[in-house]
Each structure stands twice: as structure tokens, then as C-alpha cells.
Amino acid sequence: VCPDYPVYLTTGRVLAQYQSGAQTRRIAPLHRAA
């Protein structure tokens, strides 16, 4: 981090979605949950 970019970013997954979401984002109950 530095004055121009002062915060750390980390990433991960959520319960109702999987990987790039190409499949799970199309499933209605999973989309409603996340």
C-alpha cells in the first residue's frame, strides 16, 4: 500500500456461486441468494 493506493484488496468466493459464475449465475435460486 501507498498514499495513492492505501488499502489492501483480497478476493474469494461466496456460498451460492462457483468460480467464474458462468454456470451458477444462471441458476435462479443461486442468483437470488447471491
PDB file of all heavy atoms in Angstrom:
ATOM      1  N   VAL A   1       0.838  -1.195   0.000  1.00  0.00           N
ATOM      2  CA  VAL A   1       0.000   0.000   0.000  1.00  0.00           C
ATOM      3  C   VAL A   1       0.877   1.251   0.000  1.00  0.00           C
ATOM      4  O   VAL A   1       2.041   1.222   0.409  1.00  0.00           O
ATOM      5  CB  VAL A   1      -0.950   0.004   1.212  1.00  0.00           C
ATOM      6  CG1 VAL A   1      -1.956  -1.128   1.109  1.00  0.00           C
ATOM      7  CG2 VAL A   1      -0.179  -0.093   2.522  1.00  0.00           C
ATOM      8  N   CYS A   2       0.291   2.344  -0.463  1.00  0.00           N
ATOM      9  CA  CYS A   2       0.994   3.622  -0.582  1.00  0.00           C
ATOM     10  C   CYS A   2      -0.052   4.728  -0.524  1.00  0.00           C
ATOM     11  O   CYS A   2      -1.253   4.451  -0.496  1.00  0.00           O
ATOM     12  CB  CYS A   2       1.790   3.670  -1.886  1.00  0.00           C
ATOM     13  SG  CYS A   2       0.731   3.621  -3.353  1.00  0.00           S
ATOM     14  N   PRO A   3       0.342   5.981  -0.519  1.00  0.00           N
ATOM     15  CA  PRO A   3      -0.665   7.051  -0.435  1.00  0.00           C
ATOM     16  C   PRO A   3      -1.700   7.018  -1.565  1.00  0.00           C
ATOM     17  O   PRO A   3      -2.869   7.357  -1.342  1.00  0.00           O
ATOM     18  CB  PRO A   3       0.186   8.328  -0.488  1.00  0.00           C
ATOM     19  CG  PRO A   3       1.490   7.917   0.127  1.00  0.00           C
ATOM     20  CD  PRO A   3       1.719   6.508  -0.353  1.00  0.00           C
ATOM     21  N   ASP A   4      -1.300   6.640  -2.769  1.00  0.00           N
ATOM     22  CA  ASP A   4      -2.252   6.605  -3.878  1.00  0.00           C
ATOM     23  C   ASP A   4      -3.160   5.379  -3.821  1.00  0.00           C
ATOM     24  O   ASP A   4      -4.306   5.427  -4.293  1.00  0.00           O
ATOM     25  CB  ASP A   4      -1.510   6.621  -5.215  1.00  0.00           C
ATOM     26  CG  ASP A   4      -0.868   7.963  -5.504  1.00  0.00           C
ATOM     27  OD1 ASP A   4      -1.361   8.975  -4.963  1.00  0.00           O
ATOM     28  OD2 ASP A   4       0.118   7.998  -6.255  1.00  0.00           O
ATOM     29  N   TYR A   5      -2.650   4.291  -3.284  1.00  0.00           N
ATOM     30  CA  TYR A   5      -3.414   3.044  -3.175  1.00  0.00           C
ATOM     31  C   TYR A   5      -3.244   2.533  -1.742  1.00  0.00           C
ATOM     32  O   TYR A   5      -2.427   1.654  -1.470  1.00  0.00           O
ATOM     33  CB  TYR A   5      -2.920   2.017  -4.191  1.00  0.00           C
ATOM     34  CG  TYR A   5      -3.015   2.508  -5.620  1.00  0.00           C
ATOM     35  CD1 TYR A   5      -1.901   3.069  -6.261  1.00  0.00           C
ATOM     36  CD2 TYR A   5      -4.215   2.442  -6.320  1.00  0.00           C
ATOM     37  CE1 TYR A   5      -1.986   3.534  -7.560  1.00  0.00           C
ATOM     38  CE2 TYR A   5      -4.310   2.907  -7.625  1.00  0.00           C
ATOM     39  CZ  TYR A   5      -3.200   3.453  -8.237  1.00  0.00           C
ATOM     40  OH  TYR A   5      -3.295   3.922  -9.530  1.00  0.00           O
ATOM     41  N   PRO A   6      -4.027   3.066  -0.794  1.00  0.00           N
ATOM     42  CA  PRO A   6      -3.712   2.878   0.619  1.00  0.00           C
ATOM     43  C   PRO A   6      -4.351   1.664   1.295  1.00  0.00           C
ATOM     44  O   PRO A   6      -4.188   1.495   2.508  1.00  0.00           O
ATOM     45  CB  PRO A   6      -4.259   4.168   1.244  1.00  0.00           C
ATOM     46  CG  PRO A   6      -5.431   4.520   0.381  1.00  0.00           C
ATOM     47  CD  PRO A   6      -5.066   4.095  -1.010  1.00  0.00           C
ATOM     48  N   VAL A   7      -5.073   0.838   0.542  1.00  0.00           N
ATOM     49  CA  VAL A   7      -5.822  -0.261   1.151  1.00  0.00           C
ATOM     50  C   VAL A   7      -5.450  -1.570   0.465  1.00  0.00           C
ATOM     51  O   VAL A   7      -5.219  -1.607  -0.750  1.00  0.00           O
ATOM     52  CB  VAL A   7      -7.345  -0.018   1.020  1.00  0.00           C
ATOM     53  CG1 VAL A   7      -8.141  -1.146   1.664  1.00  0.00           C
ATOM     54  CG2 VAL A   7      -7.733   1.313   1.641  1.00  0.00           C
ATOM     55  N   TYR A   8      -5.379  -2.660   1.242  1.00  0.00           N
ATOM     56  CA  TYR A   8      -5.173  -3.985   0.661  1.00  0.00           C
ATOM     57  C   TYR A   8      -6.500  -4.543   0.148  1.00  0.00           C
ATOM     58  O   TYR A   8      -7.542  -4.405   0.802  1.00  0.00           O
ATOM     59  CB  TYR A   8      -4.626  -4.964   1.704  1.00  0.00           C
ATOM     60  CG  TYR A   8      -3.235  -4.673   2.184  1.00  0.00           C
ATOM     61  CD1 TYR A   8      -3.015  -4.208   3.483  1.00  0.00           C
ATOM     62  CD2 TYR A   8      -2.130  -4.871   1.363  1.00  0.00           C
ATOM     63  CE1 TYR A   8      -1.735  -3.955   3.947  1.00  0.00           C
ATOM     64  CE2 TYR A   8      -0.848  -4.610   1.811  1.00  0.00           C
ATOM     65  CZ  TYR A   8      -0.649  -4.152   3.107  1.00  0.00           C
ATOM     66  OH  TYR A   8       0.618  -3.898   3.556  1.00  0.00           O
ATOM     67  N   LEU A   9      -6.462  -5.201  -0.998  1.00  0.00           N
ATOM     68  CA  LEU A   9      -7.605  -5.948  -1.528  1.00  0.00           C
ATOM     69  C   LEU A   9      -7.312  -7.434  -1.455  1.00  0.00           C
ATOM     70  O   LEU A   9      -6.212  -7.879  -1.811  1.00  0.00           O
ATOM     71  CB  LEU A   9      -7.876  -5.573  -2.987  1.00  0.00           C
ATOM     72  CG  LEU A   9      -8.838  -6.513  -3.739  1.00  0.00           C
ATOM     73  CD1 LEU A   9     -10.272  -6.319  -3.266  1.00  0.00           C
ATOM     74  CD2 LEU A   9      -8.729  -6.316  -5.251  1.00  0.00           C
ATOM     75  N   THR A  10      -8.282  -8.211  -1.003  1.00  0.00           N
ATOM     76  CA  THR A  10      -8.203  -9.656  -1.113  1.00  0.00           C
ATOM     77  C   THR A  10      -9.501 -10.150  -1.738  1.00  0.00           C
ATOM     78  O   THR A  10     -10.531  -9.467  -1.676  1.00  0.00           O
ATOM     79  CB  THR A  10      -7.927 -10.325   0.249  1.00  0.00           C
ATOM     80  OG1 THR A  10      -7.621 -11.704   0.055  1.00  0.00           O
ATOM     81  CG2 THR A  10      -9.112 -10.194   1.189  1.00  0.00           C
ATOM     82  N   THR A  11      -9.465 -11.328  -2.357  1.00  0.00           N
ATOM     83  CA  THR A  11     -10.623 -11.842  -3.091  1.00  0.00           C
ATOM     84  C   THR A  11     -10.942 -13.264  -2.653  1.00  0.00           C
ATOM     85  O   THR A  11     -10.148 -13.921  -1.984  1.00  0.00           O
ATOM     86  CB  THR A  11     -10.363 -11.835  -4.605  1.00  0.00           C
ATOM     87  OG1 THR A  11      -9.326 -12.781  -4.919  1.00  0.00           O
ATOM     88  CG2 THR A  11      -9.945 -10.464  -5.092  1.00  0.00           C
ATOM     89  N   GLY A  12     -12.113 -13.736  -3.052  1.00  0.00           N
ATOM     90  CA  GLY A  12     -12.501 -15.099  -2.720  1.00  0.00           C
ATOM     91  C   GLY A  12     -13.877 -15.431  -3.265  1.00  0.00           C
ATOM     92  O   GLY A  12     -14.381 -14.764  -4.171  1.00  0.00           O
ATOM     93  N   ARG A  13     -14.474 -16.473  -2.676  1.00  0.00           N
ATOM     94  CA  ARG A  13     -15.752 -16.982  -3.153  1.00  0.00           C
ATOM     95  C   ARG A  13     -16.853 -16.729  -2.125  1.00  0.00           C
ATOM     96  O   ARG A  13     -16.587 -16.435  -0.968  1.00  0.00           O
ATOM     97  CB  ARG A  13     -15.643 -18.496  -3.419  1.00  0.00           C
ATOM     98  CG  ARG A  13     -14.863 -18.838  -4.658  1.00  0.00           C
ATOM     99  CD  ARG A  13     -14.440 -20.291  -4.698  1.00  0.00           C
ATOM    100  NE  ARG A  13     -15.544 -21.212  -4.446  1.00  0.00           N
ATOM    101  CZ  ARG A  13     -15.393 -22.532  -4.360  1.00  0.00           C
ATOM    102  NH1 ARG A  13     -14.192 -23.064  -4.508  1.00  0.00           N
ATOM    103  NH2 ARG A  13     -16.440 -23.311  -4.130  1.00  0.00           N
ATOM    104  N   VAL A  14     -18.103 -16.888  -2.586  1.00  0.00           N
ATOM    105  CA  VAL A  14     -19.258 -16.847  -1.696  1.00  0.00           C
ATOM    106  C   VAL A  14     -20.011 -18.167  -1.831  1.00  0.00           C
ATOM    107  O   VAL A  14     -19.847 -18.904  -2.808  1.00  0.00           O
ATOM    108  CB  VAL A  14     -20.191 -15.659  -2.000  1.00  0.00           C
ATOM    109  CG1 VAL A  14     -19.463 -14.342  -1.768  1.00  0.00           C
ATOM    110  CG2 VAL A  14     -20.739 -15.730  -3.422  1.00  0.00           C
ATOM    111  N   LEU A  15     -20.856 -18.446  -0.871  1.00  0.00           N
ATOM    112  CA  LEU A  15     -21.503 -19.743  -0.757  1.00  0.00           C
ATOM    113  C   LEU A  15     -22.298 -20.136  -1.997  1.00  0.00           C
ATOM    114  O   LEU A  15     -22.215 -21.271  -2.468  1.00  0.00           O
ATOM    115  CB  LEU A  15     -22.430 -19.738   0.466  1.00  0.00           C
ATOM    116  CG  LEU A  15     -23.303 -20.964   0.698  1.00  0.00           C
ATOM    117  CD1 LEU A  15     -22.442 -22.203   0.928  1.00  0.00           C
ATOM    118  CD2 LEU A  15     -24.228 -20.731   1.892  1.00  0.00           C
ATOM    119  N   ALA A  16     -23.080 -19.223  -2.556  1.00  0.00           N
ATOM    120  CA  ALA A  16     -24.036 -19.588  -3.597  1.00  0.00           C
ATOM    121  C   ALA A  16     -23.469 -19.539  -5.008  1.00  0.00           C
ATOM    122  O   ALA A  16     -24.178 -19.902  -5.960  1.00  0.00           O
ATOM    123  CB  ALA A  16     -25.266 -18.684  -3.511  1.00  0.00           C
ATOM    124  N   GLN A  17     -22.225 -19.100  -5.177  1.00  0.00           N
ATOM    125  CA  GLN A  17     -21.650 -19.019  -6.517  1.00  0.00           C
ATOM    126  C   GLN A  17     -20.395 -19.875  -6.599  1.00  0.00           C
ATOM    127  O   GLN A  17     -19.841 -20.285  -5.584  1.00  0.00           O
ATOM    128  CB  GLN A  17     -21.335 -17.564  -6.879  1.00  0.00           C
ATOM    129  CG  GLN A  17     -22.546 -16.644  -6.901  1.00  0.00           C
ATOM    130  CD  GLN A  17     -23.518 -16.949  -8.026  1.00  0.00           C
ATOM    131  OE1 GLN A  17     -23.193 -17.653  -8.983  1.00  0.00           O
ATOM    132  NE2 GLN A  17     -24.731 -16.419  -7.917  1.00  0.00           N
ATOM    133  N   TYR A  18     -19.955 -20.120  -7.852  1.00  0.00           N
ATOM    134  CA  TYR A  18     -18.820 -21.009  -8.056  1.00  0.00           C
ATOM    135  C   TYR A  18     -17.943 -20.476  -9.180  1.00  0.00           C
ATOM    136  O   TYR A  18     -18.445 -20.152 -10.277  1.00  0.00           O
ATOM    137  CB  TYR A  18     -19.306 -22.417  -8.406  1.00  0.00           C
ATOM    138  CG  TYR A  18     -18.191 -23.421  -8.589  1.00  0.00           C
ATOM    139  CD1 TYR A  18     -17.473 -23.885  -7.494  1.00  0.00           C
ATOM    140  CD2 TYR A  18     -17.857 -23.904  -9.851  1.00  0.00           C
ATOM    141  CE1 TYR A  18     -16.454 -24.800  -7.650  1.00  0.00           C
ATOM    142  CE2 TYR A  18     -16.835 -24.817 -10.012  1.00  0.00           C
ATOM    143  CZ  TYR A  18     -16.137 -25.261  -8.920  1.00  0.00           C
ATOM    144  OH  TYR A  18     -15.119 -26.166  -9.077  1.00  0.00           O
ATOM    145  N   GLN A  19     -16.643 -20.379  -8.902  1.00  0.00           N
ATOM    146  CA  GLN A  19     -15.639 -19.987  -9.888  1.00  0.00           C
ATOM    147  C   GLN A  19     -16.078 -18.746 -10.672  1.00  0.00           C
ATOM    148  O   GLN A  19     -16.482 -17.767 -10.089  1.00  0.00           O
ATOM    149  CB  GLN A  19     -15.310 -21.179 -10.796  1.00  0.00           C
ATOM    150  CG  GLN A  19     -14.789 -22.405 -10.025  1.00  0.00           C
ATOM    151  CD  GLN A  19     -13.521 -22.141  -9.239  1.00  0.00           C
ATOM    152  OE1 GLN A  19     -13.589 -21.645  -8.126  1.00  0.00           O
ATOM    153  NE2 GLN A  19     -12.383 -22.485  -9.779  1.00  0.00           N
ATOM    154  N   SER A  20     -16.009 -18.776 -12.010  1.00  0.00           N
ATOM    155  CA  SER A  20     -16.312 -17.568 -12.778  1.00  0.00           C
ATOM    156  C   SER A  20     -17.799 -17.264 -12.830  1.00  0.00           C
ATOM    157  O   SER A  20     -18.197 -16.243 -13.393  1.00  0.00           O
ATOM    158  CB  SER A  20     -15.770 -17.698 -14.207  1.00  0.00           C
ATOM    159  OG  SER A  20     -16.574 -18.580 -14.971  1.00  0.00           O
ATOM    160  N   GLY A  21     -18.645 -18.147 -12.276  1.00  0.00           N
ATOM    161  CA  GLY A  21     -20.075 -17.894 -12.214  1.00  0.00           C
ATOM    162  C   GLY A  21     -20.834 -18.162 -13.493  1.00  0.00           C
ATOM    163  O   GLY A  21     -22.057 -17.972 -13.527  1.00  0.00           O
ATOM    164  N   ALA A  22     -20.161 -18.620 -14.551  1.00  0.00           N
ATOM    165  CA  ALA A  22     -20.850 -18.837 -15.824  1.00  0.00           C
ATOM    166  C   ALA A  22     -22.011 -19.813 -15.687  1.00  0.00           C
ATOM    167  O   ALA A  22     -23.025 -19.687 -16.381  1.00  0.00           O
ATOM    168  CB  ALA A  22     -19.861 -19.348 -16.874  1.00  0.00           C
ATOM    169  N   GLN A  23     -21.871 -20.780 -14.779  1.00  0.00           N
ATOM    170  CA  GLN A  23     -22.960 -21.731 -14.538  1.00  0.00           C
ATOM    171  C   GLN A  23     -23.886 -21.229 -13.436  1.00  0.00           C
ATOM    172  O   GLN A  23     -25.093 -21.119 -13.625  1.00  0.00           O
ATOM    173  CB  GLN A  23     -22.372 -23.090 -14.150  1.00  0.00           C
ATOM    174  CG  GLN A  23     -21.492 -23.725 -15.211  1.00  0.00           C
ATOM    175  CD  GLN A  23     -20.836 -24.996 -14.714  1.00  0.00           C
ATOM    176  OE1 GLN A  23     -21.487 -25.872 -14.164  1.00  0.00           O
ATOM    177  NE2 GLN A  23     -19.535 -25.110 -14.911  1.00  0.00           N
ATOM    178  N   THR A  24     -23.333 -20.956 -12.264  1.00  0.00           N
ATOM    179  CA  THR A  24     -24.181 -20.696 -11.098  1.00  0.00           C
ATOM    180  C   THR A  24     -24.946 -19.389 -11.200  1.00  0.00           C
ATOM    181  O   THR A  24     -26.033 -19.260 -10.625  1.00  0.00           O
ATOM    182  CB  THR A  24     -23.336 -20.711  -9.810  1.00  0.00           C
ATOM    183  OG1 THR A  24     -22.191 -19.858  -9.973  1.00  0.00           O
ATOM    184  CG2 THR A  24     -22.858 -22.125  -9.505  1.00  0.00           C
ATOM    185  N   ARG A  25     -24.427 -18.400 -11.912  1.00  0.00           N
ATOM    186  CA  ARG A  25     -25.171 -17.148 -12.063  1.00  0.00           C
ATOM    187  C   ARG A  25     -26.459 -17.339 -12.860  1.00  0.00           C
ATOM    188  O   ARG A  25     -27.354 -16.489 -12.837  1.00  0.00           O
ATOM    189  CB  ARG A  25     -24.300 -16.085 -12.741  1.00  0.00           C
ATOM    190  CG  ARG A  25     -23.298 -15.437 -11.827  1.00  0.00           C
ATOM    191  CD  ARG A  25     -22.562 -14.299 -12.500  1.00  0.00           C
ATOM    192  NE  ARG A  25     -21.355 -14.720 -13.203  1.00  0.00           N
ATOM    193  CZ  ARG A  25     -21.138 -14.552 -14.502  1.00  0.00           C
ATOM    194  NH1 ARG A  25     -22.053 -13.965 -15.263  1.00  0.00           N
ATOM    195  NH2 ARG A  25     -20.011 -14.951 -15.067  1.00  0.00           N
ATOM    196  N   ARG A  26     -26.567 -18.473 -13.581  1.00  0.00           N
ATOM    197  CA  ARG A  26     -27.754 -18.759 -14.381  1.00  0.00           C
ATOM    198  C   ARG A  26     -28.807 -19.576 -13.630  1.00  0.00           C
ATOM    199  O   ARG A  26     -29.886 -19.817 -14.176  1.00  0.00           O
ATOM    200  CB  ARG A  26     -27.336 -19.485 -15.657  1.00  0.00           C
ATOM    201  CG  ARG A  26     -26.592 -18.607 -16.649  1.00  0.00           C
ATOM    202  CD  ARG A  26     -26.094 -19.408 -17.846  1.00  0.00           C
ATOM    203  NE  ARG A  26     -25.791 -18.539 -18.972  1.00  0.00           N
ATOM    204  CZ  ARG A  26     -24.637 -17.908 -19.151  1.00  0.00           C
ATOM    205  NH1 ARG A  26     -23.664 -18.059 -18.255  1.00  0.00           N
ATOM    206  NH2 ARG A  26     -24.445 -17.132 -20.200  1.00  0.00           N
ATOM    207  N   ILE A  27     -28.487 -20.025 -12.428  1.00  0.00           N
ATOM    208  CA  ILE A  27     -29.418 -20.854 -11.657  1.00  0.00           C
ATOM    209  C   ILE A  27     -30.197 -19.945 -10.721  1.00  0.00           C
ATOM    210  O   ILE A  27     -29.620 -19.287  -9.845  1.00  0.00           O
ATOM    211  CB  ILE A  27     -28.657 -21.948 -10.896  1.00  0.00           C
ATOM    212  CG1 ILE A  27     -27.985 -22.894 -11.905  1.00  0.00           C
ATOM    213  CG2 ILE A  27     -29.575 -22.713  -9.963  1.00  0.00           C
ATOM    214  CD1 ILE A  27     -27.107 -23.947 -11.277  1.00  0.00           C
ATOM    215  N   ALA A  28     -31.514 -19.906 -10.890  1.00  0.00           N
ATOM    216  CA  ALA A  28     -32.339 -18.902 -10.217  1.00  0.00           C
ATOM    217  C   ALA A  28     -32.181 -18.897  -8.699  1.00  0.00           C
ATOM    218  O   ALA A  28     -32.004 -17.819  -8.111  1.00  0.00           O
ATOM    219  CB  ALA A  28     -33.808 -19.097 -10.618  1.00  0.00           C
ATOM    220  N   PRO A  29     -32.256 -20.036  -8.000  1.00  0.00           N
ATOM    221  CA  PRO A  29     -32.112 -19.968  -6.539  1.00  0.00           C
ATOM    222  C   PRO A  29     -30.748 -19.434  -6.101  1.00  0.00           C
ATOM    223  O   PRO A  29     -30.651 -18.732  -5.088  1.00  0.00           O
ATOM    224  CB  PRO A  29     -32.308 -21.423  -6.094  1.00  0.00           C
ATOM    225  CG  PRO A  29     -33.047 -22.075  -7.209  1.00  0.00           C
ATOM    226  CD  PRO A  29     -32.567 -21.404  -8.446  1.00  0.00           C
ATOM    227  N   LEU A  30     -29.700 -19.757  -6.851  1.00  0.00           N
ATOM    228  CA  LEU A  30     -28.367 -19.264  -6.502  1.00  0.00           C
ATOM    229  C   LEU A  30     -28.251 -17.775  -6.802  1.00  0.00           C
ATOM    230  O   LEU A  30     -27.616 -17.023  -6.047  1.00  0.00           O
ATOM    231  CB  LEU A  30     -27.298 -20.059  -7.251  1.00  0.00           C
ATOM    232  CG  LEU A  30     -27.288 -21.566  -6.997  1.00  0.00           C
ATOM    233  CD1 LEU A  30     -26.153 -22.231  -7.773  1.00  0.00           C
ATOM    234  CD2 LEU A  30     -27.164 -21.877  -5.509  1.00  0.00           C
ATOM    235  N   HIS A  31     -28.863 -17.358  -7.892  1.00  0.00           N
ATOM    236  CA  HIS A  31     -28.847 -15.926  -8.215  1.00  0.00           C
ATOM    237  C   HIS A  31     -29.603 -15.133  -7.151  1.00  0.00           C
ATOM    238  O   HIS A  31     -29.165 -14.038  -6.757  1.00  0.00           O
ATOM    239  CB  HIS A  31     -29.467 -15.691  -9.590  1.00  0.00           C
ATOM    240  CG  HIS A  31     -29.592 -14.240  -9.950  1.00  0.00           C
ATOM    241  ND1 HIS A  31     -28.513 -13.469 -10.296  1.00  0.00           N
ATOM    242  CD2 HIS A  31     -30.677 -13.412  -9.979  1.00  0.00           C
ATOM    243  CE1 HIS A  31     -28.910 -12.223 -10.541  1.00  0.00           C
ATOM    244  NE2 HIS A  31     -30.224 -12.174 -10.352  1.00  0.00           N
ATOM    245  N   ARG A  32     -30.724 -15.677  -6.678  1.00  0.00           N
ATOM    246  CA  ARG A  32     -31.467 -14.968  -5.631  1.00  0.00           C
ATOM    247  C   ARG A  32     -30.647 -14.880  -4.339  1.00  0.00           C
ATOM    248  O   ARG A  32     -30.687 -13.866  -3.636  1.00  0.00           O
ATOM    249  CB  ARG A  32     -32.793 -15.684  -5.360  1.00  0.00           C
ATOM    250  CG  ARG A  32     -33.827 -15.500  -6.461  1.00  0.00           C
ATOM    251  CD  ARG A  32     -35.199 -15.928  -6.004  1.00  0.00           C
ATOM    252  NE  ARG A  32     -35.267 -17.347  -5.678  1.00  0.00           N
ATOM    253  CZ  ARG A  32     -35.582 -18.301  -6.551  1.00  0.00           C
ATOM    254  NH1 ARG A  32     -35.851 -17.974  -7.822  1.00  0.00           N
ATOM    255  NH2 ARG A  32     -35.641 -19.563  -6.178  1.00  0.00           N
ATOM    256  N   ALA A  33     -29.906 -15.935  -4.043  1.00  0.00           N
ATOM    257  CA  ALA A  33     -29.104 -15.945  -2.814  1.00  0.00           C
ATOM    258  C   ALA A  33     -27.907 -15.013  -2.908  1.00  0.00           C
ATOM    259  O   ALA A  33     -27.494 -14.421  -1.894  1.00  0.00           O
ATOM    260  CB  ALA A  33     -28.634 -17.366  -2.516  1.00  0.00           C
ATOM    261  N   ALA A  34     -27.322 -14.878  -4.097  1.00  0.00           N
ATOM    262  CA  ALA A  34     -26.135 -14.025  -4.288  1.00  0.00           C
ATOM    263  C   ALA A  34     -26.258 -13.356  -5.654  1.00  0.00           C
ATOM    264  O   ALA A  34     -25.672 -13.804  -6.637  1.00  0.00           O
ATOM    265  CB  ALA A  34     -24.855 -14.853  -4.203  1.00  0.00           C
TER     266      ALA A  34
END
